[in-house]
Protein backbone atom coordinates (compact mmCIF):
# COMPACT_ATOMS: atom_id res chain seq x y z
CA UNK A 1 16.92 27.18 -4.48
CA UNK A 2 14.43 25.01 -6.32
CA UNK A 3 11.43 26.94 -7.61
CA UNK A 4 8.56 25.60 -9.65
CA UNK A 5 8.48 28.96 -11.46
CA UNK A 6 11.92 28.23 -12.87
CA UNK A 7 10.86 24.84 -14.21
CA UNK A 8 13.55 23.06 -12.26
CA UNK A 9 14.28 19.52 -13.31
CA UNK A 10 14.88 16.35 -11.36
CA UNK A 11 16.42 13.00 -12.23
CA UNK A 12 14.58 9.73 -11.65
CA UNK A 13 16.37 6.40 -11.89
CA UNK A 14 14.69 3.06 -12.50
CA UNK A 15 16.42 -0.29 -12.46
CA UNK A 16 15.48 -2.49 -15.41
CA UNK A 17 15.39 -5.63 -13.27
CA UNK A 18 13.31 -4.60 -10.26
CA UNK A 19 10.46 -2.31 -9.17
CA UNK A 20 12.57 0.24 -7.31
CA UNK A 21 12.55 3.96 -8.10
CA UNK A 22 15.26 6.44 -7.08
CA UNK A 23 14.63 10.18 -6.95
CA UNK A 24 17.78 12.26 -7.27
CA UNK A 25 16.33 14.67 -4.69
CA UNK A 26 16.51 11.99 -1.97
CA UNK A 27 18.97 9.20 -1.27
CA UNK A 28 16.29 6.77 -0.09
CA UNK A 29 14.93 4.44 -2.82
CA UNK A 30 11.32 3.30 -2.66
CA UNK A 31 9.12 0.74 -4.32
CA UNK A 32 7.74 1.83 -7.67
CA UNK A 33 4.26 3.28 -7.15
CA UNK A 34 4.65 4.06 -3.45
CA UNK A 35 5.38 7.78 -3.81
CA UNK A 36 2.46 8.14 -6.25
CA UNK A 37 0.02 6.41 -3.88
CA UNK A 38 1.35 8.34 -0.90
CA UNK A 39 0.70 11.57 -2.79
CA UNK A 40 -2.86 10.84 -3.89
CA UNK A 41 -3.89 9.93 -0.32
CA UNK A 42 -1.97 12.75 1.35
CA UNK A 43 -4.03 15.20 3.44
CA UNK A 44 -2.79 18.31 1.64
CA UNK A 45 -4.53 20.74 3.99
CA UNK A 46 -2.54 19.35 6.89
CA UNK A 47 0.62 19.03 4.82
CA UNK A 48 0.57 22.71 3.83
CA UNK A 49 0.53 23.85 7.46
CA UNK A 50 4.30 23.37 7.88
CA UNK A 51 7.37 23.54 5.66
CA UNK A 52 8.63 20.09 6.70
CA UNK A 53 5.31 18.35 6.02
CA UNK A 54 5.23 19.87 2.51
CA UNK A 55 8.51 18.04 1.83
CA UNK A 56 6.76 14.78 2.75
CA UNK A 57 4.11 15.21 0.04
CA UNK A 58 6.43 13.73 -2.60
CA UNK A 59 10.20 13.16 -3.05
CA UNK A 60 10.15 15.94 -5.66
CA UNK A 61 9.80 18.49 -2.86
CA UNK A 62 12.34 16.92 -0.48
CA UNK A 63 15.26 19.15 -1.55
CA UNK A 64 13.30 22.40 -1.89
CA UNK A 65 14.52 25.29 0.24
CA UNK A 66 12.34 26.76 2.99
CA UNK A 67 11.84 29.88 0.87
CA UNK A 68 10.71 27.89 -2.16
CA UNK A 69 8.20 25.90 -0.11
CA UNK A 70 6.85 29.02 1.58
CA UNK A 71 6.26 30.53 -1.85
CA UNK A 72 4.30 27.43 -2.87
CA UNK A 73 2.29 27.50 0.38
CA UNK A 74 1.34 31.11 -0.29
CA UNK A 75 0.09 30.50 -3.83
CA UNK A 76 -3.61 30.59 -4.68
CA UNK A 77 -5.50 30.14 -7.93
CA UNK A 78 -5.29 33.91 -8.45
CA UNK A 79 -1.50 34.13 -8.32
CA UNK A 80 -0.53 30.80 -9.84
CA UNK A 81 2.79 30.57 -11.64
CA UNK A 82 3.47 29.71 -15.25
CA UNK A 83 3.72 26.07 -14.23
CA UNK A 84 0.21 26.15 -12.77
CA UNK A 85 1.33 24.40 -9.58
CA UNK A 86 -0.70 25.55 -6.57
CA UNK A 87 -2.17 23.71 -3.56
CA UNK A 88 -5.51 23.69 -5.41
CA UNK A 89 -3.94 22.24 -8.55
CA UNK A 90 -2.31 19.50 -6.47
CA UNK A 91 -5.73 18.50 -5.11
CA UNK A 92 -6.95 18.25 -8.71
CA UNK A 93 -3.99 16.01 -9.54
CA UNK A 94 -4.87 13.72 -6.63
CA UNK A 95 -8.35 13.16 -8.08
CA UNK A 96 -7.06 12.76 -11.64
CA UNK A 97 -4.53 10.10 -10.67
CA UNK A 98 -7.10 8.23 -8.60
CA UNK A 99 -9.18 8.00 -11.78
CA UNK A 100 -6.17 6.92 -13.83
CA UNK A 101 -5.31 4.17 -11.35
CA UNK A 102 -8.95 3.09 -11.22
CA UNK A 103 -8.86 2.72 -15.00
CA UNK A 104 -5.83 0.43 -14.72
CA UNK A 105 -7.91 -1.91 -12.57
CA UNK A 106 -11.37 -1.67 -14.14
CA UNK A 107 -10.60 -0.54 -17.69
CA UNK A 108 -10.58 2.80 -19.47
CA UNK A 109 -14.39 2.98 -19.45
CA UNK A 110 -14.08 3.97 -15.76
CA UNK A 111 -11.92 6.98 -16.63
CA UNK A 112 -13.76 10.31 -16.56
CA UNK A 113 -13.34 13.02 -19.19
CA UNK A 114 -10.89 15.08 -17.15
CA UNK A 115 -8.60 12.10 -16.51
CA UNK A 116 -8.79 11.01 -20.16
CA UNK A 117 -7.86 14.49 -21.36
CA UNK A 118 -4.97 14.64 -18.91
CA UNK A 119 -3.58 11.28 -20.00
CA UNK A 120 -3.80 12.16 -23.69
CA UNK A 121 -2.16 15.50 -23.05
CA UNK A 122 0.81 13.64 -21.55
CA UNK A 123 1.34 10.75 -24.00
CA UNK A 124 4.96 10.64 -22.83
CA UNK A 125 6.69 12.83 -20.34
CA UNK A 126 10.38 12.69 -21.18
CA UNK A 127 13.08 10.71 -22.88
CA UNK A 128 15.16 8.34 -20.79
CA UNK A 129 18.81 7.44 -21.08
CA UNK A 130 20.03 3.91 -20.49
CA UNK A 131 23.13 4.00 -18.29
CA UNK A 132 25.27 1.41 -16.58
CA UNK A 133 25.82 2.04 -12.88
CA UNK A 134 27.34 0.19 -9.96
CA UNK A 135 24.67 -0.60 -7.35
CA UNK A 136 25.77 -2.56 -4.28
CA UNK A 137 28.95 -3.64 -6.06
CA UNK A 138 26.96 -4.90 -9.06
CA UNK A 139 26.77 -3.43 -12.55
CA UNK A 140 23.13 -2.63 -13.24
CA UNK A 141 21.35 -1.10 -16.22
CA UNK A 142 19.44 1.97 -15.07
CA UNK A 143 17.02 4.24 -16.96
CA UNK A 144 17.84 7.87 -16.15
CA UNK A 145 14.82 10.11 -16.71
CA UNK A 146 15.21 13.88 -16.92
CA UNK A 147 11.93 15.36 -15.69
CA UNK A 148 10.78 18.97 -15.90
CA UNK A 149 8.47 19.36 -12.92
CA UNK A 150 6.15 17.72 -10.41
CA UNK A 151 3.51 16.52 -12.87
CA UNK A 152 6.21 14.81 -14.94
CA UNK A 153 7.27 12.90 -11.81
CA UNK A 154 3.73 11.61 -11.33
CA UNK A 155 3.33 10.62 -14.98
CA UNK A 156 6.75 8.99 -15.06
CA UNK A 157 5.87 6.71 -12.18
CA UNK A 158 2.43 5.85 -13.57
CA UNK A 159 3.80 4.95 -17.02
CA UNK A 160 6.54 2.79 -15.51
CA UNK A 161 3.90 0.96 -13.46
CA UNK A 162 2.05 0.32 -16.72
CA UNK A 163 5.15 -0.82 -18.58
CA UNK A 164 6.05 -3.30 -15.87
CA UNK A 165 2.47 -4.62 -15.52
CA UNK A 166 2.56 -3.85 -11.82
CA UNK A 167 -0.31 -5.32 -9.81
CA UNK A 168 -2.56 -2.69 -8.24
CA UNK A 169 -5.44 -3.72 -5.97
CA UNK A 170 -8.11 -2.06 -3.85
CA UNK A 171 -7.86 -2.85 -0.15
CA UNK A 172 -10.97 -4.75 0.95
CA UNK A 173 -10.92 -2.94 4.28
CA UNK A 174 -10.17 0.77 3.61
CA UNK A 175 -11.01 0.85 -0.11
CA UNK A 176 -7.72 2.49 -1.12
CA UNK A 177 -5.32 1.46 -3.86
CA UNK A 178 -2.23 -0.47 -2.81
CA UNK A 179 0.54 -2.54 -4.38
CA UNK A 180 0.55 -6.05 -2.88
CA UNK A 181 3.72 -8.04 -2.39
CA UNK A 182 1.83 -11.10 -3.65
CA UNK A 183 -1.18 -11.33 -5.94
CA UNK A 184 -3.30 -13.14 -3.31
CA UNK A 185 -3.00 -10.33 -0.73
CA UNK A 186 -6.29 -8.45 -0.27
CA UNK A 187 -5.45 -5.94 2.47
CA UNK A 188 -2.94 -3.10 2.63
CA UNK A 189 -0.56 -2.37 5.50
CA UNK A 190 -1.75 1.17 6.27
CA UNK A 191 -2.56 1.88 9.91
CA UNK A 192 -6.35 1.71 10.16
CA UNK A 193 -7.33 2.02 13.82
CA UNK A 194 -6.29 4.14 16.78
CA UNK A 195 -4.61 1.17 18.46
CA UNK A 196 -2.14 0.87 15.59
CA UNK A 197 -3.74 -2.10 13.83
CA UNK A 198 -3.32 -2.17 10.07
CA UNK A 199 -5.92 -3.00 7.44
CA UNK A 200 -4.20 -6.36 7.14
CA UNK A 201 -4.65 -7.04 10.86
CA UNK A 202 -8.28 -5.90 10.90
CA UNK A 203 -9.25 -7.37 7.54
CA UNK A 204 -7.99 -10.89 8.05
CA UNK A 205 -9.50 -10.97 11.55
CA UNK A 206 -12.89 -10.06 10.04
CA UNK A 207 -12.46 -12.62 7.28
CA UNK A 208 -11.60 -15.36 9.79
CA UNK A 209 -14.59 -14.39 11.95
CA UNK A 210 -16.94 -14.65 8.96
CA UNK A 211 -15.43 -18.00 8.00
CA UNK A 212 -15.87 -19.32 11.53
CA UNK A 213 -19.48 -18.15 11.62
CA UNK A 214 -20.30 -20.09 8.45
CA UNK A 215 -18.34 -23.21 9.40
CA UNK A 216 -19.83 -25.13 12.37
CA UNK A 217 -16.82 -27.45 12.66
CA UNK A 218 -14.36 -24.57 12.63
CA UNK A 219 -16.54 -22.71 15.13
CA UNK A 220 -16.46 -25.68 17.51
CA UNK A 221 -12.71 -26.12 17.00
CA UNK A 222 -12.05 -22.41 17.70
CA UNK A 223 -14.06 -22.46 20.94
CA UNK A 224 -12.24 -25.58 22.10
CA UNK A 225 -8.85 -24.13 21.15
CA UNK A 226 -9.47 -20.99 23.27
CA UNK A 227 -10.67 -23.07 26.23
CA UNK A 228 -7.69 -25.45 26.13
CA UNK A 229 -5.23 -22.60 25.61
CA UNK A 230 -6.64 -20.89 28.71
CA UNK A 231 -6.12 -24.08 30.70
CA UNK A 232 -2.43 -23.90 29.82
CA UNK A 233 -1.81 -20.16 30.24
CA UNK A 234 -4.21 -19.36 33.12
CA UNK A 235 -4.02 -22.22 35.66
CA UNK A 236 -7.01 -22.56 38.01
CA UNK A 237 -7.32 -24.41 41.28
CA UNK A 238 -10.71 -25.96 40.51
CA UNK A 239 -10.14 -26.81 36.84
CA UNK A 240 -7.99 -29.35 35.07
CA UNK A 241 -4.87 -27.56 33.86
CA UNK A 242 -2.62 -28.48 30.94
CA UNK A 243 1.11 -28.35 30.43
CA UNK A 244 2.49 -26.91 27.18
CA UNK A 245 3.37 -30.42 26.01
CA UNK A 246 -0.19 -31.61 26.67
CA UNK A 247 -1.67 -28.60 24.88
CA UNK A 248 0.54 -29.07 21.82
CA UNK A 249 -0.42 -32.75 21.65
CA UNK A 250 -4.11 -31.83 21.90
CA UNK A 251 -3.72 -29.07 19.30
CA UNK A 252 -2.12 -31.47 16.81
CA UNK A 253 -4.86 -34.06 17.30
CA UNK A 254 -7.64 -31.44 17.15
CA UNK A 255 -6.30 -29.94 13.93
CA UNK A 256 -5.99 -33.34 12.27
CA UNK A 257 -9.49 -34.22 13.47
CA UNK A 258 -10.90 -31.03 11.94
CA UNK A 259 -9.58 -31.97 8.50
CA UNK A 260 -10.84 -35.56 8.82
CA UNK A 261 -14.30 -34.36 9.90
CA UNK A 262 -14.47 -31.96 6.96
CA UNK A 263 -13.55 -34.79 4.60
CA UNK A 264 -16.22 -37.04 6.13
CA UNK A 265 -13.68 -39.60 7.30
CA UNK A 266 -14.84 -39.28 10.91
CA UNK A 267 -18.28 -38.40 12.27
CA UNK A 268 -18.66 -34.63 12.69
CA UNK A 269 -20.83 -34.89 15.82
CA UNK A 270 -18.39 -37.28 17.48
CA UNK A 271 -15.56 -34.86 16.70
CA UNK A 272 -17.45 -31.92 18.27
CA UNK A 273 -18.18 -34.04 21.35
CA UNK A 274 -14.49 -34.93 21.65
CA UNK A 275 -13.55 -31.24 21.47
CA UNK A 276 -15.61 -30.51 24.58
CA UNK A 277 -13.66 -32.98 26.75
């Protein structure tokens, strides 16, 4: 049984050539930084209602026994263990690591005193061993970290993100940290609305709407596109309908016309008049 009181260790493996992290406690690898971000945005009050949801807080807890988790769930600040790990302490760690991540984006001047003290108190968490392992039939160099507790897991991941100069951004829709697949991505993929739409879905729709509102040519083109598309997909008896071939031909011409009108190569008013036909 894994118990925080016994200072149980865990192994963390990191490939030198990619941004994948493997926790020995689970067989499922994840992108470097994901488990840290998942933890800092976890609703701990809901997580601590059930044994299984506690295991979802972080891979570190995935192999804990039911008894070990129940002991953690029962802890308060008055009966904390030698490790100091309690539900309340984990909430403190969430806030500390939010500040540390914020400092990575905006500079250390944004780091508060508590976060600064925590970072200096953990200048390095453990020593790693470079080992050669076979991964998917390939020999890969892996760093094997031997970590002595939950806080070491968090610091390990943060330091590796720093070492690899991993890009961290703030989602322009929900305001939370995320790790983009490309540097020009501004929205995360977390589910944002009740209908299952993600920040990416919502954010780029809002951005396009703002762009359309400011661009009269694009606004006219968008209205015409919707009208012509409806003529193809919703045939009416009293209106001129379009076949798919006719719509695609119109779409190609309209798109080319939009670029020409923006460049001033054709008259903008004539283009908008043509769109209404």
